[in-house]
Amino acid sequence: MNGEKAFKKFFKGETSFPKFKKKKNKDVKAYFPKNNKTDWTIERHRVKIPTIGWMRLKEYGYIPTNSIVKSGTVSQKADRYYVSILVEEDIKPNDKPYSCGIGIDLGIKDTAICSNGIKFKNINKTSKVKKIERKLKREQRKLSRKYESLKIRNKNNKEGATRQNIQKQVVKVQKIHQRLYNIRNDYNNKIVSELVKNKPVFITIEDLAISNMIKNKHLSKAIQKQKLYDLRNKLISKSHQNNIEIRQVSRWYPSSKLCNKCGGIKKDLKLSDRVYNCKCGYSFDRDVNASYNLRDAKEYKII
């Protein structure tokens, strides 16, 4: 399946010629379609994978046992194995009555600022994430020193069992990367769940050009950590499942520079100005003001 998709993209001119998976690459995936009734038999604590057999699950209760299984994928990340199963089941939409529409301003200081007063802080500024990032730097330095010492030994033609130690250190770095990914991904899931469960009439977001934003060398690392594009895609997907209208304004819409009270535009607004002060006397937090403008936007397109 993956090979078929790769060759189709190649013949369409979208990508280069497909490269086969190498044994040294640890993050690999194996796709298994369901060919007969016994394939992908799911029980509470184990699953039967085609050509492999029964495998015990460390985490159980997440895969529905009474659903129709279509296919599955086994992947390896950071020296751990994961199974992802595609099932067919009826999704029950949120039947909660609709509330007022909201505008959401995504940023760096706070991940999401909503017009209904809800703020989601930046998870990357917490002490827990910063502690893990400091540990990641230490382990990466250790890995770099091992590679440099290996180069010196190879240059002097000295034999030594160093490659196994390097591989152990690579796994340590991969595990820390995976832990940071899991923390950020889980936080985005919680943000989307909190927004969708209130069942607003509509949600208005900006058409952010992430690829252009990360060109700023001072903010690129912080923007990449936020996973804004991933948050946007999850919000759109969950909103469609719950029949919530998603509105998207143009990327040129001046949500931050526009005064929500008089409608004036403050062209000299800087990124360092965290409070929006208008000539009409209106003074408010710039991110909250932007969320109000997104909520009240008249020109938009429905995604």
C-alpha atoms as a PDB file:
ATOM      1  CA  MET A   1       0.000   0.000   0.000  1.00  0.00           C
ATOM      2  CA  ASN A   2       2.746   2.474   0.942  1.00  0.00           C
ATOM      3  CA  GLY A   3       4.769   1.470  -2.115  1.00  0.00           C
ATOM      4  CA  GLU A   4       1.754   1.955  -4.373  1.00  0.00           C
ATOM      5  CA  LYS A   5       1.147   5.473  -3.024  1.00  0.00           C
ATOM      6  CA  ALA A   6       4.826   6.343  -3.396  1.00  0.00           C
ATOM      7  CA  PHE A   7       4.967   5.244  -7.047  1.00  0.00           C
ATOM      8  CA  LYS A   8       1.714   7.062  -7.894  1.00  0.00           C
ATOM      9  CA  LYS A   9       3.129  10.291  -6.481  1.00  0.00           C
ATOM     10  CA  PHE A  10       6.346   9.697  -8.425  1.00  0.00           C
ATOM     11  CA  PHE A  11       4.564   9.242 -11.769  1.00  0.00           C
ATOM     12  CA  LYS A  12       2.471  12.357 -11.099  1.00  0.00           C
ATOM     13  CA  GLY A  13       5.684  14.337 -10.565  1.00  0.00           C
ATOM     14  CA  GLU A  14       4.898  15.197  -6.947  1.00  0.00           C
ATOM     15  CA  THR A  15       7.912  13.418  -5.387  1.00  0.00           C
ATOM     16  CA  SER A  16      11.191  11.828  -6.376  1.00  0.00           C
ATOM     17  CA  PHE A  17      11.725   8.102  -7.020  1.00  0.00           C
ATOM     18  CA  PRO A  18      10.727   6.014  -3.956  1.00  0.00           C
ATOM     19  CA  LYS A  19      13.491   4.780  -1.701  1.00  0.00           C
ATOM     20  CA  PHE A  20      13.216   1.389  -0.056  1.00  0.00           C
ATOM     21  CA  LYS A  21      13.312   1.140   3.707  1.00  0.00           C
ATOM     22  CA  LYS A  22      16.693   0.513   5.275  1.00  0.00           C
ATOM     23  CA  LYS A  23      17.353  -1.759   8.179  1.00  0.00           C
ATOM     24  CA  LYS A  24      19.202   0.946  10.124  1.00  0.00           C
ATOM     25  CA  ASN A  25      16.148   3.241  10.094  1.00  0.00           C
ATOM     26  CA  LYS A  26      14.317   2.501  13.319  1.00  0.00           C
ATOM     27  CA  ASP A  27      11.086   4.421  12.628  1.00  0.00           C
ATOM     28  CA  VAL A  28       9.561   1.922  10.196  1.00  0.00           C
ATOM     29  CA  LYS A  29       5.990   0.830   9.488  1.00  0.00           C
ATOM     30  CA  ALA A  30       4.471  -2.400   8.186  1.00  0.00           C
ATOM     31  CA  TYR A  31       0.985  -2.374   6.655  1.00  0.00           C
ATOM     32  CA  PHE A  32      -1.207  -5.503   6.919  1.00  0.00           C
ATOM     33  CA  PRO A  33      -4.584  -5.680   5.102  1.00  0.00           C
ATOM     34  CA  LYS A  34      -7.317  -7.989   6.333  1.00  0.00           C
ATOM     35  CA  ASN A  35      -7.347 -10.956   3.954  1.00  0.00           C
ATOM     36  CA  ASN A  36      -9.525 -13.415   5.903  1.00  0.00           C
ATOM     37  CA  LYS A  37     -11.809 -13.542   8.927  1.00  0.00           C
ATOM     38  CA  THR A  38      -9.112 -14.591  11.393  1.00  0.00           C
ATOM     39  CA  ASP A  39      -6.825 -11.658  10.547  1.00  0.00           C
ATOM     40  CA  TRP A  40      -6.858  -8.774  13.014  1.00  0.00           C
ATOM     41  CA  THR A  41      -8.923 -10.560  15.642  1.00  0.00           C
ATOM     42  CA  ILE A  42      -9.247  -8.145  18.540  1.00  0.00           C
ATOM     43  CA  GLU A  43      -9.656  -9.090  22.174  1.00  0.00           C
ATOM     44  CA  ARG A  44      -9.460  -6.988  25.321  1.00  0.00           C
ATOM     45  CA  HIS A  45      -5.763  -7.491  26.019  1.00  0.00           C
ATOM     46  CA  ARG A  46      -4.351  -8.929  22.757  1.00  0.00           C
ATOM     47  CA  VAL A  47      -4.606  -8.756  18.988  1.00  0.00           C
ATOM     48  CA  LYS A  48      -3.899 -11.252  16.206  1.00  0.00           C
ATOM     49  CA  ILE A  49      -1.672  -9.687  13.546  1.00  0.00           C
ATOM     50  CA  PRO A  50      -1.465 -11.367  10.096  1.00  0.00           C
ATOM     51  CA  THR A  51       1.717 -13.480   9.571  1.00  0.00           C
ATOM     52  CA  ILE A  52       2.850 -12.634  13.127  1.00  0.00           C
ATOM     53  CA  GLY A  53       0.122 -14.108  15.329  1.00  0.00           C
ATOM     54  CA  TRP A  54      -1.199 -13.132  18.734  1.00  0.00           C
ATOM     55  CA  MET A  55       0.489 -10.162  20.414  1.00  0.00           C
ATOM     56  CA  ARG A  56      -0.245  -8.934  23.914  1.00  0.00           C
ATOM     57  CA  LEU A  57      -1.161  -5.255  24.301  1.00  0.00           C
ATOM     58  CA  LYS A  58       0.429  -3.152  27.024  1.00  0.00           C
ATOM     59  CA  GLU A  59      -2.466  -0.662  26.862  1.00  0.00           C
ATOM     60  CA  TYR A  60      -5.871  -2.256  26.405  1.00  0.00           C
ATOM     61  CA  GLY A  61      -9.422  -1.023  26.141  1.00  0.00           C
ATOM     62  CA  TYR A  62      -8.750   1.557  23.406  1.00  0.00           C
ATOM     63  CA  ILE A  63      -9.531  -0.656  20.394  1.00  0.00           C
ATOM     64  CA  PRO A  64     -13.262  -1.495  20.055  1.00  0.00           C
ATOM     65  CA  THR A  65     -13.703  -5.269  20.001  1.00  0.00           C
ATOM     66  CA  ASN A  66     -17.102  -5.300  18.251  1.00  0.00           C
ATOM     67  CA  SER A  67     -16.200  -3.106  15.260  1.00  0.00           C
ATOM     68  CA  ILE A  68     -15.507  -4.126  11.663  1.00  0.00           C
ATOM     69  CA  VAL A  69     -11.725  -4.193  11.103  1.00  0.00           C
ATOM     70  CA  LYS A  70     -10.439  -3.016   7.718  1.00  0.00           C
ATOM     71  CA  SER A  71      -6.650  -3.054   8.098  1.00  0.00           C
ATOM     72  CA  GLY A  72      -3.829  -2.357  10.511  1.00  0.00           C
ATOM     73  CA  THR A  73      -0.293  -1.006  10.734  1.00  0.00           C
ATOM     74  CA  VAL A  74       2.568  -2.004  13.023  1.00  0.00           C
ATOM     75  CA  SER A  75       5.189   0.696  13.589  1.00  0.00           C
ATOM     76  CA  GLN A  76       8.366   1.052  15.602  1.00  0.00           C
ATOM     77  CA  LYS A  77       9.322   4.320  17.285  1.00  0.00           C
ATOM     78  CA  ALA A  78      12.059   4.895  19.834  1.00  0.00           C
ATOM     79  CA  ASP A  79      12.607   1.162  20.430  1.00  0.00           C
ATOM     80  CA  ARG A  80       8.888   0.586  21.043  1.00  0.00           C
ATOM     81  CA  TYR A  81       6.278  -1.113  18.880  1.00  0.00           C
ATOM     82  CA  TYR A  82       2.838   0.370  18.212  1.00  0.00           C
ATOM     83  CA  VAL A  83      -0.211  -1.050  16.462  1.00  0.00           C
ATOM     84  CA  SER A  84      -2.779   1.135  14.685  1.00  0.00           C
ATOM     85  CA  ILE A  85      -6.007  -0.519  13.509  1.00  0.00           C
ATOM     86  CA  LEU A  86      -8.537   0.959  11.080  1.00  0.00           C
ATOM     87  CA  VAL A  87     -12.081   0.013  12.143  1.00  0.00           C
ATOM     88  CA  GLU A  88     -15.524   0.918  10.874  1.00  0.00           C
ATOM     89  CA  GLU A  89     -18.058   2.060  13.455  1.00  0.00           C
ATOM     90  CA  ASP A  90     -20.888   4.531  13.886  1.00  0.00           C
ATOM     91  CA  ILE A  91     -19.782   7.862  15.343  1.00  0.00           C
ATOM     92  CA  LYS A  92     -22.250   9.472  17.716  1.00  0.00           C
ATOM     93  CA  PRO A  93     -22.176  13.269  17.241  1.00  0.00           C
ATOM     94  CA  ASN A  94     -22.379  15.684  20.139  1.00  0.00           C
ATOM     95  CA  ASP A  95     -26.108  16.280  20.790  1.00  0.00           C
ATOM     96  CA  LYS A  96     -25.488  19.150  23.193  1.00  0.00           C
ATOM     97  CA  PRO A  97     -27.412  22.371  22.272  1.00  0.00           C
ATOM     98  CA  TYR A  98     -25.408  24.976  20.396  1.00  0.00           C
ATOM     99  CA  SER A  99     -23.757  27.860  22.227  1.00  0.00           C
ATOM    100  CA  CYS A 100     -22.508  31.183  20.826  1.00  0.00           C
ATOM    101  CA  GLY A 101     -19.866  31.214  18.121  1.00  0.00           C
ATOM    102  CA  ILE A 102     -16.257  31.783  19.133  1.00  0.00           C
ATOM    103  CA  GLY A 103     -13.101  33.154  17.562  1.00  0.00           C
ATOM    104  CA  ILE A 104      -9.744  31.522  18.283  1.00  0.00           C
ATOM    105  CA  ASP A 105      -6.435  33.367  18.033  1.00  0.00           C
ATOM    106  CA  LEU A 106      -3.408  31.070  17.942  1.00  0.00           C
ATOM    107  CA  GLY A 107      -0.153  32.448  19.262  1.00  0.00           C
ATOM    108  CA  ILE A 108       3.184  31.851  20.954  1.00  0.00           C
ATOM    109  CA  LYS A 109       2.674  33.419  24.371  1.00  0.00           C
ATOM    110  CA  ASP A 110      -0.501  31.350  24.795  1.00  0.00           C
ATOM    111  CA  THR A 111      -1.365  28.486  22.469  1.00  0.00           C
ATOM    112  CA  ALA A 112      -5.020  29.490  21.964  1.00  0.00           C
ATOM    113  CA  ILE A 113      -7.013  32.521  23.127  1.00  0.00           C
ATOM    114  CA  CYS A 114     -10.787  32.205  22.739  1.00  0.00           C
ATOM    115  CA  SER A 115     -13.352  34.987  22.595  1.00  0.00           C
ATOM    116  CA  ASN A 116     -15.428  33.265  25.300  1.00  0.00           C
ATOM    117  CA  GLY A 117     -12.717  33.946  27.885  1.00  0.00           C
ATOM    118  CA  ILE A 118     -10.908  30.585  27.786  1.00  0.00           C
ATOM    119  CA  LYS A 119      -7.112  30.661  27.470  1.00  0.00           C
ATOM    120  CA  PHE A 120      -4.847  27.693  26.859  1.00  0.00           C
ATOM    121  CA  LYS A 121      -1.318  28.338  28.095  1.00  0.00           C
ATOM    122  CA  ASN A 122       1.830  27.408  26.213  1.00  0.00           C
ATOM    123  CA  ILE A 123       2.735  23.894  27.356  1.00  0.00           C
ATOM    124  CA  ASN A 124       6.364  24.448  26.302  1.00  0.00           C
ATOM    125  CA  LYS A 125       6.826  27.086  29.031  1.00  0.00           C
ATOM    126  CA  THR A 126       5.997  24.677  31.866  1.00  0.00           C
ATOM    127  CA  SER A 127       8.740  23.393  34.159  1.00  0.00           C
ATOM    128  CA  LYS A 128       8.044  19.785  33.167  1.00  0.00           C
ATOM    129  CA  VAL A 129       8.727  20.313  29.466  1.00  0.00           C
ATOM    130  CA  LYS A 130      11.736  22.549  30.118  1.00  0.00           C
ATOM    131  CA  LYS A 131      13.247  19.869  32.364  1.00  0.00           C
ATOM    132  CA  ILE A 132      12.841  17.233  29.626  1.00  0.00           C
ATOM    133  CA  GLU A 133      14.368  19.594  27.035  1.00  0.00           C
ATOM    134  CA  ARG A 134      17.422  20.140  29.262  1.00  0.00           C
ATOM    135  CA  LYS A 135      17.796  16.385  29.570  1.00  0.00           C
ATOM    136  CA  LEU A 136      17.531  16.077  25.778  1.00  0.00           C
ATOM    137  CA  LYS A 137      20.417  18.541  25.335  1.00  0.00           C
ATOM    138  CA  ARG A 138      22.628  16.541  27.707  1.00  0.00           C
ATOM    139  CA  GLU A 139      21.919  13.245  25.946  1.00  0.00           C
ATOM    140  CA  GLN A 140      22.524  14.811  22.528  1.00  0.00           C
ATOM    141  CA  ARG A 141      25.909  16.095  23.693  1.00  0.00           C
ATOM    142  CA  LYS A 142      26.806  12.598  24.879  1.00  0.00           C
ATOM    143  CA  LEU A 143      25.813  11.189  21.489  1.00  0.00           C
ATOM    144  CA  SER A 144      27.872  13.812  19.661  1.00  0.00           C
ATOM    145  CA  ARG A 145      30.955  13.042  21.763  1.00  0.00           C
ATOM    146  CA  LYS A 146      30.597   9.315  21.035  1.00  0.00           C
ATOM    147  CA  TYR A 147      30.495   9.990  17.293  1.00  0.00           C
ATOM    148  CA  GLU A 148      33.565  12.230  17.502  1.00  0.00           C
ATOM    149  CA  SER A 149      35.533   9.634  19.476  1.00  0.00           C
ATOM    150  CA  LEU A 150      34.555   6.980  16.924  1.00  0.00           C
ATOM    151  CA  LYS A 151      35.964   9.120  14.114  1.00  0.00           C
ATOM    152  CA  ILE A 152      39.271   9.450  15.972  1.00  0.00           C
ATOM    153  CA  ARG A 153      39.491   5.682  16.593  1.00  0.00           C
ATOM    154  CA  ASN A 154      38.717   4.897  12.953  1.00  0.00           C
ATOM    155  CA  LYS A 155      41.404   7.366  11.903  1.00  0.00           C
ATOM    156  CA  ASN A 156      43.995   5.696  14.126  1.00  0.00           C
ATOM    157  CA  ASN A 157      42.809   2.205  13.066  1.00  0.00           C
ATOM    158  CA  LYS A 158      41.969   1.196  16.615  1.00  0.00           C
ATOM    159  CA  GLU A 159      39.313  -1.459  17.157  1.00  0.00           C
ATOM    160  CA  GLY A 160      36.704  -1.127  19.870  1.00  0.00           C
ATOM    161  CA  ALA A 161      33.103  -2.116  20.614  1.00  0.00           C
ATOM    162  CA  THR A 162      31.795   1.414  20.375  1.00  0.00           C
ATOM    163  CA  ARG A 163      28.974   1.123  17.839  1.00  0.00           C
ATOM    164  CA  GLN A 164      26.719  -0.695  20.308  1.00  0.00           C
ATOM    165  CA  ASN A 165      27.163   2.115  22.829  1.00  0.00           C
ATOM    166  CA  ILE A 166      26.324   4.653  20.138  1.00  0.00           C
ATOM    167  CA  GLN A 167      23.148   2.771  19.273  1.00  0.00           C
ATOM    168  CA  LYS A 168      22.126   2.690  22.940  1.00  0.00           C
ATOM    169  CA  GLN A 169      22.619   6.444  23.135  1.00  0.00           C
ATOM    170  CA  VAL A 170      20.599   6.945  19.923  1.00  0.00           C
ATOM    171  CA  VAL A 171      17.692   5.064  21.522  1.00  0.00           C
ATOM    172  CA  LYS A 172      17.900   7.282  24.626  1.00  0.00           C
ATOM    173  CA  VAL A 173      17.653  10.422  22.485  1.00  0.00           C
ATOM    174  CA  GLN A 174      14.768   8.939  20.488  1.00  0.00           C
ATOM    175  CA  LYS A 175      12.838   8.148  23.660  1.00  0.00           C
ATOM    176  CA  ILE A 176      13.131  11.723  24.915  1.00  0.00           C
ATOM    177  CA  HIS A 177      12.018  13.073  21.542  1.00  0.00           C
ATOM    178  CA  GLN A 178       9.042  10.705  21.625  1.00  0.00           C
ATOM    179  CA  ARG A 179       8.112  11.787  25.136  1.00  0.00           C
ATOM    180  CA  LEU A 180       8.092  15.462  24.141  1.00  0.00           C
ATOM    181  CA  TYR A 181       6.002  14.611  21.079  1.00  0.00           C
ATOM    182  CA  ASN A 182       3.492  12.704  23.214  1.00  0.00           C
ATOM    183  CA  ILE A 183       3.156  15.595  25.706  1.00  0.00           C
ATOM    184  CA  ARG A 184       2.515  18.182  22.980  1.00  0.00           C
ATOM    185  CA  ASN A 185       0.209  15.914  21.009  1.00  0.00           C
ATOM    186  CA  ASP A 186      -1.845  15.076  24.116  1.00  0.00           C
ATOM    187  CA  TYR A 187      -2.139  18.768  25.000  1.00  0.00           C
ATOM    188  CA  ASN A 188      -3.469  19.591  21.514  1.00  0.00           C
ATOM    189  CA  ASN A 189      -6.022  16.792  21.845  1.00  0.00           C
ATOM    190  CA  LYS A 190      -7.215  18.237  25.153  1.00  0.00           C
ATOM    191  CA  ILE A 191      -7.546  21.729  23.644  1.00  0.00           C
ATOM    192  CA  VAL A 192      -9.662  20.439  20.755  1.00  0.00           C
ATOM    193  CA  SER A 193     -11.824  18.342  23.089  1.00  0.00           C
ATOM    194  CA  GLU A 194     -12.455  21.328  25.377  1.00  0.00           C
ATOM    195  CA  LEU A 195     -13.465  23.544  22.445  1.00  0.00           C
ATOM    196  CA  VAL A 196     -15.718  21.021  20.721  1.00  0.00           C
ATOM    197  CA  LYS A 197     -17.588  19.779  23.798  1.00  0.00           C
ATOM    198  CA  ASN A 198     -19.100  23.262  24.328  1.00  0.00           C
ATOM    199  CA  LYS A 199     -20.750  22.886  20.870  1.00  0.00           C
ATOM    200  CA  PRO A 200     -20.410  26.462  19.541  1.00  0.00           C
ATOM    201  CA  VAL A 201     -22.442  27.516  16.506  1.00  0.00           C
ATOM    202  CA  PHE A 202     -19.221  28.273  14.630  1.00  0.00           C
ATOM    203  CA  ILE A 203     -15.478  28.503  15.201  1.00  0.00           C
ATOM    204  CA  THR A 204     -13.482  31.166  13.364  1.00  0.00           C
ATOM    205  CA  ILE A 205      -9.745  30.668  12.821  1.00  0.00           C
ATOM    206  CA  GLU A 206      -7.016  32.366  10.820  1.00  0.00           C
ATOM    207  CA  ASP A 207      -5.361  31.037   7.685  1.00  0.00           C
ATOM    208  CA  LEU A 208      -1.859  30.991   9.137  1.00  0.00           C
ATOM    209  CA  ALA A 209       1.123  30.645   6.798  1.00  0.00           C
ATOM    210  CA  ILE A 210       3.221  28.437   9.085  1.00  0.00           C
ATOM    211  CA  SER A 211       5.947  27.917   6.454  1.00  0.00           C
ATOM    212  CA  ASN A 212       6.463  31.677   6.252  1.00  0.00           C
ATOM    213  CA  MET A 213       6.292  32.185  10.015  1.00  0.00           C
ATOM    214  CA  ILE A 214       9.146  29.770  10.738  1.00  0.00           C
ATOM    215  CA  LYS A 215      11.449  31.803   8.482  1.00  0.00           C
ATOM    216  CA  ASN A 216      11.810  34.219  11.380  1.00  0.00           C
ATOM    217  CA  LYS A 217      14.978  32.921  13.047  1.00  0.00           C
ATOM    218  CA  HIS A 218      13.970  34.398  16.424  1.00  0.00           C
ATOM    219  CA  LEU A 219      10.573  32.661  16.559  1.00  0.00           C
ATOM    220  CA  SER A 220      10.963  29.596  14.339  1.00  0.00           C
ATOM    221  CA  LYS A 221      11.829  27.175  17.154  1.00  0.00           C
ATOM    222  CA  ALA A 222       8.964  28.364  19.365  1.00  0.00           C
ATOM    223  CA  ILE A 223       6.487  28.099  16.476  1.00  0.00           C
ATOM    224  CA  GLN A 224       7.570  24.565  15.622  1.00  0.00           C
ATOM    225  CA  LYS A 225       7.161  23.470  19.246  1.00  0.00           C
ATOM    226  CA  GLN A 226       3.586  24.799  19.315  1.00  0.00           C
ATOM    227  CA  LYS A 227       2.414  22.365  16.579  1.00  0.00           C
ATOM    228  CA  LEU A 228      -0.113  24.938  15.356  1.00  0.00           C
ATOM    229  CA  TYR A 229      -0.729  23.205  12.033  1.00  0.00           C
ATOM    230  CA  ASP A 230      -1.479  19.928  13.799  1.00  0.00           C
ATOM    231  CA  LEU A 231      -3.840  21.719  16.212  1.00  0.00           C
ATOM    232  CA  ARG A 232      -5.671  23.366  13.303  1.00  0.00           C
ATOM    233  CA  ASN A 233      -6.175  20.063  11.438  1.00  0.00           C
ATOM    234  CA  LYS A 234      -7.467  18.290  14.548  1.00  0.00           C
ATOM    235  CA  LEU A 235      -9.877  21.126  15.290  1.00  0.00           C
ATOM    236  CA  ILE A 236     -11.286  21.013  11.750  1.00  0.00           C
ATOM    237  CA  SER A 237     -11.685  17.228  11.821  1.00  0.00           C
ATOM    238  CA  LYS A 238     -13.440  17.139  15.212  1.00  0.00           C
ATOM    239  CA  SER A 239     -15.706  20.056  14.307  1.00  0.00           C
ATOM    240  CA  HIS A 240     -16.887  18.291  11.164  1.00  0.00           C
ATOM    241  CA  GLN A 241     -17.695  15.183  13.212  1.00  0.00           C
ATOM    242  CA  ASN A 242     -19.863  17.253  15.565  1.00  0.00           C
ATOM    243  CA  ASN A 243     -21.535  19.401  12.858  1.00  0.00           C
ATOM    244  CA  ILE A 244     -19.787  22.604  13.936  1.00  0.00           C
ATOM    245  CA  GLU A 245     -19.178  25.215  11.254  1.00  0.00           C
ATOM    246  CA  ILE A 246     -15.523  26.143  10.762  1.00  0.00           C
ATOM    247  CA  ARG A 247     -14.901  29.629   9.379  1.00  0.00           C
ATOM    248  CA  GLN A 248     -11.523  30.718   8.089  1.00  0.00           C
ATOM    249  CA  VAL A 249     -10.562  34.346   7.488  1.00  0.00           C
ATOM    250  CA  SER A 250      -7.876  35.438   5.063  1.00  0.00           C
ATOM    251  CA  ARG A 251      -4.281  35.508   6.244  1.00  0.00           C
ATOM    252  CA  TRP A 252      -4.279  39.237   5.424  1.00  0.00           C
ATOM    253  CA  TYR A 253      -7.180  39.941   7.806  1.00  0.00           C
ATOM    254  CA  PRO A 254      -5.836  42.445  10.424  1.00  0.00           C
ATOM    255  CA  SER A 255      -7.219  40.685  13.476  1.00  0.00           C
ATOM    256  CA  SER A 256      -4.515  42.017  15.822  1.00  0.00           C
ATOM    257  CA  LYS A 257      -4.389  45.586  14.431  1.00  0.00           C
ATOM    258  CA  LEU A 258      -8.175  46.083  14.221  1.00  0.00           C
ATOM    259  CA  CYS A 259     -10.020  47.806  17.078  1.00  0.00           C
ATOM    260  CA  ASN A 260     -13.051  45.754  18.080  1.00  0.00           C
ATOM    261  CA  LYS A 261     -14.874  48.840  19.392  1.00  0.00           C
ATOM    262  CA  CYS A 262     -14.479  51.564  16.740  1.00  0.00           C
ATOM    263  CA  GLY A 263     -13.162  49.513  13.814  1.00  0.00           C
ATOM    264  CA  GLY A 264      -9.974  51.549  13.417  1.00  0.00           C
ATOM    265  CA  ILE A 265      -6.708  49.949  12.319  1.00  0.00           C
ATOM    266  CA  LYS A 266      -3.501  50.564  14.259  1.00  0.00           C
ATOM    267  CA  LYS A 267      -0.809  50.141  11.613  1.00  0.00           C
ATOM    268  CA  ASP A 268       2.141  50.780  13.952  1.00  0.00           C
ATOM    269  CA  LEU A 269       1.309  47.854  16.275  1.00  0.00           C
ATOM    270  CA  LYS A 270       4.468  45.901  17.155  1.00  0.00           C
ATOM    271  CA  LEU A 271       4.842  42.325  18.284  1.00  0.00           C
ATOM    272  CA  SER A 272       6.189  43.569  21.621  1.00  0.00           C
ATOM    273  CA  ASP A 273       2.968  45.537  22.271  1.00  0.00           C
ATOM    274  CA  ARG A 274       0.936  43.087  24.357  1.00  0.00           C
ATOM    275  CA  VAL A 275      -1.846  45.602  25.144  1.00  0.00           C
ATOM    276  CA  TYR A 276      -3.923  47.147  22.370  1.00  0.00           C
ATOM    277  CA  ASN A 277      -4.473  50.874  23.000  1.00  0.00           C
ATOM    278  CA  CYS A 278      -6.746  52.657  20.524  1.00  0.00           C
ATOM    279  CA  LYS A 279      -7.294  56.383  20.015  1.00  0.00           C
ATOM    280  CA  CYS A 280     -10.957  55.948  20.951  1.00  0.00           C
ATOM    281  CA  GLY A 281      -9.940  54.977  24.488  1.00  0.00           C
ATOM    282  CA  TYR A 282     -10.343  51.223  23.993  1.00  0.00           C
ATOM    283  CA  SER A 283      -7.600  49.298  25.828  1.00  0.00           C
ATOM    284  CA  PHE A 284      -7.464  45.525  25.951  1.00  0.00           C
ATOM    285  CA  ASP A 285      -5.132  42.548  25.684  1.00  0.00           C
ATOM    286  CA  ARG A 286      -4.068  42.290  22.036  1.00  0.00           C
ATOM    287  CA  ASP A 287      -4.701  38.518  21.786  1.00  0.00           C
ATOM    288  CA  VAL A 288      -8.176  38.762  23.315  1.00  0.00           C
ATOM    289  CA  ASN A 289      -8.947  41.686  21.002  1.00  0.00           C
ATOM    290  CA  ALA A 290      -7.846  39.549  18.038  1.00  0.00           C
ATOM    291  CA  SER A 291     -10.172  36.717  19.124  1.00  0.00           C
ATOM    292  CA  TYR A 292     -13.088  39.182  19.308  1.00  0.00           C
ATOM    293  CA  ASN A 293     -12.317  40.399  15.791  1.00  0.00           C
ATOM    294  CA  LEU A 294     -12.202  36.831  14.493  1.00  0.00           C
ATOM    295  CA  ARG A 295     -15.550  36.075  16.104  1.00  0.00           C
ATOM    296  CA  ASP A 296     -17.138  39.167  14.531  1.00  0.00           C
ATOM    297  CA  ALA A 297     -15.506  38.767  11.088  1.00  0.00           C
ATOM    298  CA  LYS A 298     -17.913  39.205   8.173  1.00  0.00           C
ATOM    299  CA  GLU A 299     -15.655  38.030   5.343  1.00  0.00           C
ATOM    300  CA  TYR A 300     -14.678  34.376   5.635  1.00  0.00           C
ATOM    301  CA  LYS A 301     -14.891  31.045   3.902  1.00  0.00           C
ATOM    302  CA  ILE A 302     -16.392  27.854   5.330  1.00  0.00           C
ATOM    303  CA  ILE A 303     -14.016  24.911   5.433  1.00  0.00           C
END
